[in-house]
Amino acid sequence: MSPINVARIAHIVLFVKDPEASARWYAEILNMKITARAGDGPYKGGVFLSFGMSDHDIALFPAAADTAIGKEAKGREFEHIGLAMAGCDMEDLRANYAFFRERGVEIAEILDHGVSVGIYFYDPDGHMLEVFCQNVPLEGGASQAELNRNEGQANPITL
């Protein structure tokens, strides 16, 4: 039996031509709040947005110059889909990691975001997904404040 216990789809990360322009659109059209802007590092130029409770519901990352955007880019238009784990701690993540390894699931990386720790992996078609444990409570804006404080940075870790 699988130890994976997903509570909900938590966020999606999209590649866009201009993260700042897209963030303005999401804020104006969908009433989203910008919770953080990524500083230096692998997410540089990224913008994180929330509908209110989560540290981010949608993140917008700059598309590589050779990445097509639009209908012709099917399968390359998003970076990953985040799946929040129910009742999760580091031991649960270790069990998930072992489960993935036993079944030959390709692991991309394991990152500590400060607000959460996630295992990034690929489905059979090459789409990246993340299962993660939320470390900082969503209630009261704590996770938004932490994501903003650390500028959306993530540190690779091992399980």
N, C-alpha and C. Protein backbone atom coordinates (compact mmCIF):
# COMPACT_ATOMS: atom_id res chain seq x y z
N MET A 1 0.83 -1.19 0.00
CA MET A 1 0.00 0.00 0.00
C MET A 1 0.88 1.25 0.00
N SER A 2 0.45 2.26 -0.71
CA SER A 2 1.20 3.51 -0.84
C SER A 2 1.15 4.34 0.43
N PRO A 3 2.30 4.89 0.87
CA PRO A 3 2.29 5.78 2.02
C PRO A 3 1.91 7.23 1.64
N ILE A 4 1.73 7.48 0.36
CA ILE A 4 1.43 8.83 -0.11
C ILE A 4 0.02 9.21 0.30
N ASN A 5 -0.12 10.34 1.01
CA ASN A 5 -1.40 10.79 1.55
C ASN A 5 -1.62 12.25 1.18
N VAL A 6 -2.00 12.50 -0.07
CA VAL A 6 -2.19 13.86 -0.56
C VAL A 6 -3.51 14.42 -0.03
N ALA A 7 -3.44 15.64 0.51
CA ALA A 7 -4.63 16.31 1.03
C ALA A 7 -5.32 17.13 -0.06
N ARG A 8 -4.51 17.77 -0.93
CA ARG A 8 -5.08 18.64 -1.94
C ARG A 8 -4.01 19.09 -2.92
N ILE A 9 -4.44 19.57 -4.08
CA ILE A 9 -3.53 20.27 -4.96
C ILE A 9 -3.30 21.62 -4.30
N ALA A 10 -2.05 21.95 -4.06
CA ALA A 10 -1.74 23.13 -3.27
C ALA A 10 -1.32 24.34 -4.10
N HIS A 11 -0.57 24.11 -5.16
CA HIS A 11 -0.14 25.23 -5.99
C HIS A 11 0.31 24.74 -7.35
N ILE A 12 0.37 25.69 -8.28
CA ILE A 12 0.90 25.40 -9.60
C ILE A 12 1.93 26.48 -9.92
N VAL A 13 2.98 26.09 -10.60
CA VAL A 13 4.04 27.01 -10.99
C VAL A 13 4.07 27.06 -12.51
N LEU A 14 3.84 28.26 -13.05
CA LEU A 14 3.76 28.44 -14.49
C LEU A 14 4.98 29.17 -15.03
N PHE A 15 5.42 28.77 -16.23
CA PHE A 15 6.42 29.54 -16.96
C PHE A 15 5.70 30.63 -17.73
N VAL A 16 6.17 31.87 -17.62
CA VAL A 16 5.55 32.99 -18.32
C VAL A 16 6.64 33.87 -18.93
N LYS A 17 6.24 34.66 -19.92
CA LYS A 17 7.20 35.55 -20.60
C LYS A 17 7.71 36.64 -19.66
N ASP A 18 6.81 37.24 -18.90
CA ASP A 18 7.15 38.37 -18.04
C ASP A 18 6.44 38.18 -16.69
N PRO A 19 7.14 37.62 -15.69
CA PRO A 19 6.48 37.35 -14.41
C PRO A 19 5.83 38.58 -13.76
N GLU A 20 6.47 39.72 -13.85
CA GLU A 20 5.90 40.92 -13.21
C GLU A 20 4.60 41.34 -13.90
N ALA A 21 4.60 41.35 -15.24
CA ALA A 21 3.38 41.71 -15.98
C ALA A 21 2.28 40.70 -15.71
N SER A 22 2.63 39.41 -15.70
CA SER A 22 1.64 38.37 -15.43
C SER A 22 1.12 38.49 -14.00
N ALA A 23 2.00 38.81 -13.05
CA ALA A 23 1.57 38.97 -11.65
C ALA A 23 0.58 40.11 -11.53
N ARG A 24 0.81 41.20 -12.24
CA ARG A 24 -0.15 42.32 -12.22
C ARG A 24 -1.51 41.85 -12.75
N TRP A 25 -1.48 41.06 -13.81
CA TRP A 25 -2.72 40.55 -14.39
C TRP A 25 -3.46 39.67 -13.38
N TYR A 26 -2.75 38.73 -12.76
CA TYR A 26 -3.39 37.85 -11.77
C TYR A 26 -3.92 38.66 -10.59
N ALA A 27 -3.20 39.69 -10.18
CA ALA A 27 -3.66 40.52 -9.07
C ALA A 27 -4.93 41.30 -9.46
N GLU A 28 -4.92 41.87 -10.66
CA GLU A 28 -6.06 42.68 -11.10
C GLU A 28 -7.27 41.84 -11.47
N ILE A 29 -7.06 40.75 -12.18
CA ILE A 29 -8.16 39.95 -12.70
C ILE A 29 -8.69 38.94 -11.68
N LEU A 30 -7.78 38.30 -10.94
CA LEU A 30 -8.20 37.25 -10.00
C LEU A 30 -8.09 37.68 -8.54
N ASN A 31 -7.78 38.96 -8.31
CA ASN A 31 -7.69 39.50 -6.96
C ASN A 31 -6.66 38.76 -6.10
N MET A 32 -5.54 38.37 -6.71
CA MET A 32 -4.50 37.68 -5.97
C MET A 32 -3.55 38.69 -5.33
N LYS A 33 -2.91 38.27 -4.26
CA LYS A 33 -1.94 39.10 -3.53
C LYS A 33 -0.55 38.56 -3.82
N ILE A 34 0.37 39.47 -4.16
CA ILE A 34 1.77 39.07 -4.32
C ILE A 34 2.34 38.86 -2.93
N THR A 35 2.81 37.64 -2.65
CA THR A 35 3.34 37.32 -1.32
C THR A 35 4.85 37.36 -1.27
N ALA A 36 5.52 37.17 -2.42
CA ALA A 36 6.98 37.19 -2.43
C ALA A 36 7.48 37.35 -3.86
N ARG A 37 8.68 37.90 -3.94
CA ARG A 37 9.42 37.95 -5.20
C ARG A 37 10.73 37.23 -4.94
N ALA A 38 11.09 36.35 -5.85
CA ALA A 38 12.31 35.56 -5.69
C ALA A 38 13.53 36.43 -5.89
N GLY A 39 14.47 36.31 -4.97
CA GLY A 39 15.75 37.00 -5.10
C GLY A 39 16.67 36.18 -5.98
N ASP A 40 17.95 36.21 -5.70
CA ASP A 40 18.91 35.44 -6.47
C ASP A 40 18.66 33.95 -6.30
N GLY A 41 19.24 33.16 -7.17
CA GLY A 41 19.10 31.72 -7.08
C GLY A 41 18.29 31.17 -8.22
N PRO A 42 17.89 29.91 -8.10
CA PRO A 42 17.21 29.24 -9.21
C PRO A 42 15.84 29.82 -9.56
N TYR A 43 15.21 30.55 -8.64
CA TYR A 43 13.89 31.11 -8.89
C TYR A 43 13.94 32.60 -9.22
N LYS A 44 15.13 33.14 -9.45
CA LYS A 44 15.31 34.57 -9.69
C LYS A 44 14.31 35.07 -10.74
N GLY A 45 13.63 36.15 -10.38
CA GLY A 45 12.64 36.73 -11.28
C GLY A 45 11.24 36.19 -11.07
N GLY A 46 11.10 35.17 -10.22
CA GLY A 46 9.80 34.57 -9.98
C GLY A 46 8.95 35.42 -9.05
N VAL A 47 7.64 35.29 -9.21
CA VAL A 47 6.68 36.01 -8.36
C VAL A 47 5.70 34.99 -7.81
N PHE A 48 5.46 35.05 -6.50
CA PHE A 48 4.55 34.14 -5.82
C PHE A 48 3.27 34.89 -5.45
N LEU A 49 2.13 34.29 -5.75
CA LEU A 49 0.83 34.93 -5.51
C LEU A 49 -0.09 34.01 -4.70
N SER A 50 -0.97 34.64 -3.92
CA SER A 50 -1.91 33.88 -3.08
C SER A 50 -3.32 34.41 -3.24
N PHE A 51 -4.29 33.51 -3.08
CA PHE A 51 -5.69 33.92 -3.03
C PHE A 51 -6.06 34.39 -1.63
N GLY A 52 -5.16 34.22 -0.67
CA GLY A 52 -5.42 34.74 0.67
C GLY A 52 -4.82 33.94 1.80
N MET A 53 -4.97 32.63 1.81
CA MET A 53 -4.54 31.82 2.94
C MET A 53 -3.12 31.27 2.76
N SER A 54 -2.84 30.65 1.63
CA SER A 54 -1.55 29.97 1.40
C SER A 54 -0.43 30.95 1.15
N ASP A 55 0.81 30.47 1.38
CA ASP A 55 1.95 31.31 1.04
C ASP A 55 1.99 31.55 -0.46
N HIS A 56 1.57 30.55 -1.26
CA HIS A 56 1.36 30.80 -2.69
C HIS A 56 0.42 29.74 -3.26
N ASP A 57 -0.47 30.19 -4.13
CA ASP A 57 -1.35 29.31 -4.88
C ASP A 57 -0.85 29.18 -6.31
N ILE A 58 -0.30 30.27 -6.83
CA ILE A 58 0.29 30.28 -8.17
C ILE A 58 1.63 30.99 -8.07
N ALA A 59 2.66 30.42 -8.69
CA ALA A 59 3.95 31.09 -8.81
C ALA A 59 4.23 31.24 -10.31
N LEU A 60 4.86 32.34 -10.65
CA LEU A 60 5.15 32.64 -12.05
C LEU A 60 6.67 32.74 -12.20
N PHE A 61 7.23 31.85 -13.01
CA PHE A 61 8.68 31.83 -13.22
C PHE A 61 8.98 32.27 -14.64
N PRO A 62 10.10 32.96 -14.84
CA PRO A 62 10.44 33.37 -16.20
C PRO A 62 10.73 32.17 -17.08
N ALA A 63 10.12 32.17 -18.27
CA ALA A 63 10.36 31.09 -19.23
C ALA A 63 11.74 31.29 -19.86
N ALA A 64 12.43 30.21 -20.12
CA ALA A 64 13.72 30.28 -20.82
C ALA A 64 13.47 30.84 -22.21
N ALA A 65 14.47 31.50 -22.75
CA ALA A 65 14.33 32.14 -24.06
C ALA A 65 13.87 31.15 -25.13
N ASP A 66 14.27 29.88 -25.01
CA ASP A 66 13.91 28.89 -26.03
C ASP A 66 12.62 28.13 -25.70
N THR A 67 11.92 28.55 -24.63
CA THR A 67 10.68 27.89 -24.23
C THR A 67 9.50 28.59 -24.89
N ALA A 68 8.76 27.85 -25.69
CA ALA A 68 7.57 28.41 -26.32
C ALA A 68 6.48 28.56 -25.27
N ILE A 69 5.72 29.63 -25.38
CA ILE A 69 4.59 29.88 -24.49
C ILE A 69 3.33 29.88 -25.35
N GLY A 70 2.28 29.26 -24.88
CA GLY A 70 1.03 29.26 -25.61
C GLY A 70 0.61 27.86 -26.00
N LYS A 71 -0.37 27.77 -26.87
CA LYS A 71 -0.95 26.49 -27.24
C LYS A 71 0.07 25.54 -27.85
N GLU A 72 1.07 26.07 -28.55
CA GLU A 72 2.07 25.21 -29.19
C GLU A 72 3.03 24.59 -28.17
N ALA A 73 2.95 24.99 -26.92
CA ALA A 73 3.90 24.53 -25.91
C ALA A 73 3.32 23.46 -25.00
N LYS A 74 2.26 22.78 -25.40
CA LYS A 74 1.62 21.78 -24.55
C LYS A 74 2.65 20.89 -23.87
N GLY A 75 2.52 20.73 -22.55
CA GLY A 75 3.44 19.89 -21.78
C GLY A 75 4.64 20.64 -21.26
N ARG A 76 4.88 21.87 -21.71
CA ARG A 76 6.02 22.64 -21.23
C ARG A 76 5.59 23.97 -20.64
N GLU A 77 4.30 24.15 -20.46
CA GLU A 77 3.81 25.44 -20.00
C GLU A 77 3.85 25.61 -18.48
N PHE A 78 4.05 24.52 -17.74
CA PHE A 78 4.16 24.68 -16.30
C PHE A 78 5.43 24.03 -15.79
N GLU A 79 5.88 24.51 -14.64
CA GLU A 79 7.12 24.02 -14.03
C GLU A 79 6.81 22.78 -13.18
N HIS A 80 5.85 22.90 -12.26
CA HIS A 80 5.43 21.74 -11.46
C HIS A 80 4.08 22.00 -10.82
N ILE A 81 3.47 20.92 -10.35
CA ILE A 81 2.23 20.99 -9.57
C ILE A 81 2.56 20.52 -8.16
N GLY A 82 2.21 21.34 -7.16
CA GLY A 82 2.48 21.02 -5.77
C GLY A 82 1.30 20.32 -5.12
N LEU A 83 1.58 19.21 -4.46
CA LEU A 83 0.55 18.43 -3.78
C LEU A 83 0.84 18.44 -2.28
N ALA A 84 -0.04 19.07 -1.51
CA ALA A 84 0.14 19.15 -0.06
C ALA A 84 -0.21 17.82 0.56
N MET A 85 0.67 17.32 1.42
CA MET A 85 0.45 16.06 2.11
C MET A 85 -0.40 16.30 3.36
N ALA A 86 -1.26 15.35 3.67
CA ALA A 86 -2.10 15.42 4.87
C ALA A 86 -1.30 14.91 6.06
N GLY A 87 -1.33 15.65 7.16
CA GLY A 87 -0.69 15.21 8.40
C GLY A 87 0.74 14.75 8.20
N CYS A 88 1.56 15.58 7.65
CA CYS A 88 2.89 15.18 7.19
C CYS A 88 4.00 15.70 8.09
N ASP A 89 5.03 14.87 8.25
CA ASP A 89 6.26 15.31 8.90
C ASP A 89 7.44 14.70 8.14
N MET A 90 8.65 14.92 8.61
CA MET A 90 9.84 14.46 7.88
C MET A 90 9.89 12.94 7.76
N GLU A 91 9.38 12.22 8.75
CA GLU A 91 9.36 10.76 8.64
C GLU A 91 8.43 10.32 7.51
N ASP A 92 7.31 11.01 7.37
CA ASP A 92 6.40 10.72 6.26
C ASP A 92 7.10 10.97 4.93
N LEU A 93 7.83 12.08 4.84
CA LEU A 93 8.55 12.36 3.59
C LEU A 93 9.60 11.29 3.30
N ARG A 94 10.29 10.84 4.34
CA ARG A 94 11.28 9.76 4.15
C ARG A 94 10.60 8.49 3.63
N ALA A 95 9.42 8.17 4.16
CA ALA A 95 8.67 7.01 3.69
C ALA A 95 8.23 7.20 2.24
N ASN A 96 7.80 8.40 1.90
CA ASN A 96 7.42 8.70 0.52
C ASN A 96 8.61 8.54 -0.42
N TYR A 97 9.74 9.08 0.02
CA TYR A 97 10.96 8.99 -0.79
C TYR A 97 11.34 7.52 -1.03
N ALA A 98 11.30 6.71 0.03
CA ALA A 98 11.62 5.28 -0.09
C ALA A 98 10.63 4.59 -1.04
N PHE A 99 9.36 4.93 -0.92
CA PHE A 99 8.33 4.36 -1.78
C PHE A 99 8.62 4.70 -3.24
N PHE A 100 8.93 5.96 -3.52
CA PHE A 100 9.26 6.36 -4.89
C PHE A 100 10.48 5.60 -5.41
N ARG A 101 11.52 5.52 -4.58
CA ARG A 101 12.76 4.84 -5.01
C ARG A 101 12.50 3.36 -5.30
N GLU A 102 11.71 2.71 -4.45
CA GLU A 102 11.40 1.28 -4.65
C GLU A 102 10.68 1.04 -5.96
N ARG A 103 9.92 2.02 -6.42
CA ARG A 103 9.12 1.86 -7.63
C ARG A 103 9.75 2.51 -8.86
N GLY A 104 10.99 2.97 -8.71
CA GLY A 104 11.71 3.53 -9.85
C GLY A 104 11.23 4.89 -10.30
N VAL A 105 10.55 5.63 -9.42
CA VAL A 105 10.10 6.98 -9.76
C VAL A 105 11.33 7.88 -9.85
N GLU A 106 11.42 8.65 -10.93
CA GLU A 106 12.57 9.56 -11.11
C GLU A 106 12.40 10.78 -10.22
N ILE A 107 13.34 10.95 -9.30
CA ILE A 107 13.34 12.09 -8.39
C ILE A 107 14.16 13.21 -9.01
N ALA A 108 13.60 14.41 -9.06
CA ALA A 108 14.33 15.57 -9.58
C ALA A 108 15.20 16.18 -8.49
N GLU A 109 14.61 16.45 -7.33
CA GLU A 109 15.33 17.07 -6.22
C GLU A 109 14.44 17.08 -4.98
N ILE A 110 15.06 17.36 -3.85
CA ILE A 110 14.35 17.53 -2.59
C ILE A 110 14.76 18.90 -2.07
N LEU A 111 13.77 19.75 -1.80
CA LEU A 111 14.07 21.13 -1.42
C LEU A 111 13.38 21.52 -0.13
N ASP A 112 14.11 22.29 0.67
CA ASP A 112 13.56 22.92 1.87
C ASP A 112 13.32 24.38 1.52
N HIS A 113 12.04 24.77 1.49
CA HIS A 113 11.65 26.13 1.14
C HIS A 113 11.48 27.03 2.36
N GLY A 114 11.77 26.52 3.54
CA GLY A 114 11.49 27.28 4.75
C GLY A 114 10.04 27.09 5.17
N VAL A 115 9.10 27.36 4.27
CA VAL A 115 7.68 27.17 4.58
C VAL A 115 7.26 25.72 4.42
N SER A 116 8.03 24.95 3.65
CA SER A 116 7.70 23.56 3.38
C SER A 116 8.95 22.82 2.91
N VAL A 117 8.86 21.48 2.95
CA VAL A 117 9.91 20.62 2.40
C VAL A 117 9.23 19.70 1.40
N GLY A 118 9.79 19.63 0.19
CA GLY A 118 9.13 18.86 -0.86
C GLY A 118 10.05 17.95 -1.64
N ILE A 119 9.47 16.86 -2.12
CA ILE A 119 10.13 15.94 -3.04
C ILE A 119 9.58 16.23 -4.42
N TYR A 120 10.46 16.58 -5.34
CA TYR A 120 10.07 16.85 -6.72
C TYR A 120 10.37 15.61 -7.54
N PHE A 121 9.40 15.17 -8.34
CA PHE A 121 9.55 13.94 -9.11
C PHE A 121 8.79 14.06 -10.42
N TYR A 122 9.03 13.11 -11.31
CA TYR A 122 8.43 13.15 -12.65
C TYR A 122 7.41 12.04 -12.84
N ASP A 123 6.33 12.38 -13.55
CA ASP A 123 5.38 11.35 -13.96
C ASP A 123 5.92 10.68 -15.23
N PRO A 124 5.27 9.64 -15.73
CA PRO A 124 5.79 8.92 -16.89
C PRO A 124 5.91 9.78 -18.16
N ASP A 125 5.17 10.91 -18.22
CA ASP A 125 5.25 11.78 -19.38
C ASP A 125 6.22 12.94 -19.19
N GLY A 126 6.94 12.94 -18.08
CA GLY A 126 7.93 13.99 -17.84
C GLY A 126 7.42 15.23 -17.15
N HIS A 127 6.16 15.24 -16.68
CA HIS A 127 5.65 16.38 -15.93
C HIS A 127 6.17 16.31 -14.50
N MET A 128 6.64 17.44 -13.98
CA MET A 128 7.16 17.44 -12.62
C MET A 128 6.03 17.72 -11.63
N LEU A 129 6.04 16.93 -10.55
CA LEU A 129 5.11 17.09 -9.43
C LEU A 129 5.93 17.22 -8.16
N GLU A 130 5.29 17.74 -7.13
CA GLU A 130 5.94 17.86 -5.82
C GLU A 130 4.96 17.40 -4.76
N VAL A 131 5.41 16.51 -3.87
CA VAL A 131 4.66 16.22 -2.64
C VAL A 131 5.43 16.90 -1.52
N PHE A 132 4.70 17.60 -0.65
CA PHE A 132 5.42 18.36 0.37
C PHE A 132 4.69 18.39 1.69
N CYS A 133 5.47 18.65 2.72
CA CYS A 133 4.97 18.89 4.07
C CYS A 133 5.07 20.37 4.35
N GLN A 134 3.98 20.96 4.79
CA GLN A 134 3.96 22.39 5.16
C GLN A 134 4.57 22.52 6.54
N ASN A 135 5.63 23.34 6.68
CA ASN A 135 6.31 23.53 7.96
C ASN A 135 5.80 24.74 8.74
N VAL A 136 5.33 25.74 8.01
CA VAL A 136 4.88 26.98 8.64
C VAL A 136 3.37 27.07 8.43
N PRO A 137 2.62 27.31 9.49
CA PRO A 137 1.15 27.34 9.37
C PRO A 137 0.67 28.36 8.34
N LEU A 138 -0.40 27.98 7.62
CA LEU A 138 -1.02 28.89 6.66
C LEU A 138 -1.84 29.96 7.38
N GLU A 139 -2.42 29.61 8.50
CA GLU A 139 -3.30 30.51 9.23
C GLU A 139 -2.52 31.72 9.73
N GLY A 140 -3.17 32.87 9.67
CA GLY A 140 -2.59 34.09 10.22
C GLY A 140 -1.50 34.73 9.38
N GLY A 141 -1.25 34.21 8.19
CA GLY A 141 -0.27 34.82 7.30
C GLY A 141 1.18 34.46 7.59
N ALA A 142 1.43 33.51 8.50
CA ALA A 142 2.81 33.17 8.86
C ALA A 142 3.60 32.63 7.67
N SER A 143 2.97 31.78 6.87
CA SER A 143 3.70 31.20 5.73
C SER A 143 3.97 32.26 4.66
N GLN A 144 3.05 33.20 4.48
CA GLN A 144 3.29 34.29 3.52
C GLN A 144 4.45 35.15 3.98
N ALA A 145 4.49 35.47 5.26
CA ALA A 145 5.57 36.30 5.79
C ALA A 145 6.92 35.59 5.64
N GLU A 146 6.96 34.29 5.90
CA GLU A 146 8.21 33.54 5.78
C GLU A 146 8.67 33.46 4.33
N LEU A 147 7.75 33.18 3.40
CA LEU A 147 8.12 33.11 1.98
C LEU A 147 8.66 34.46 1.51
N ASN A 148 8.04 35.54 1.96
CA ASN A 148 8.53 36.87 1.60
C ASN A 148 9.90 37.11 2.21
N ARG A 149 10.07 36.77 3.49
CA ARG A 149 11.35 36.99 4.18
C ARG A 149 12.49 36.26 3.48
N ASN A 150 12.26 35.00 3.07
CA ASN A 150 13.36 34.24 2.45
C ASN A 150 13.40 34.38 0.93
N GLU A 151 12.57 35.29 0.40
CA GLU A 151 12.55 35.59 -1.04
C GLU A 151 12.37 34.35 -1.89
N GLY A 152 11.54 33.44 -1.43
CA GLY A 152 11.22 32.26 -2.22
C GLY A 152 12.37 31.30 -2.46
N GLN A 153 13.40 31.40 -1.64
CA GLN A 153 14.57 30.56 -1.84
C GLN A 153 14.32 29.13 -1.36
N ALA A 154 15.11 28.22 -1.87
CA ALA A 154 15.00 26.81 -1.49
C ALA A 154 16.40 26.22 -1.40
N ASN A 155 16.59 25.36 -0.43
CA ASN A 155 17.89 24.70 -0.23
C ASN A 155 17.74 23.21 -0.48
N PRO A 156 18.60 22.66 -1.34
CA PRO A 156 18.57 21.20 -1.55
C PRO A 156 18.92 20.48 -0.24
N ILE A 157 18.19 19.42 0.03
CA ILE A 157 18.47 18.59 1.21
C ILE A 157 18.42 17.12 0.79
N THR A 158 18.85 16.26 1.68
CA THR A 158 18.74 14.82 1.46
C THR A 158 17.82 14.23 2.52
N LEU A 159 17.15 13.17 2.13
CA LEU A 159 16.30 12.45 3.08
C LEU A 159 17.03 11.17 3.40
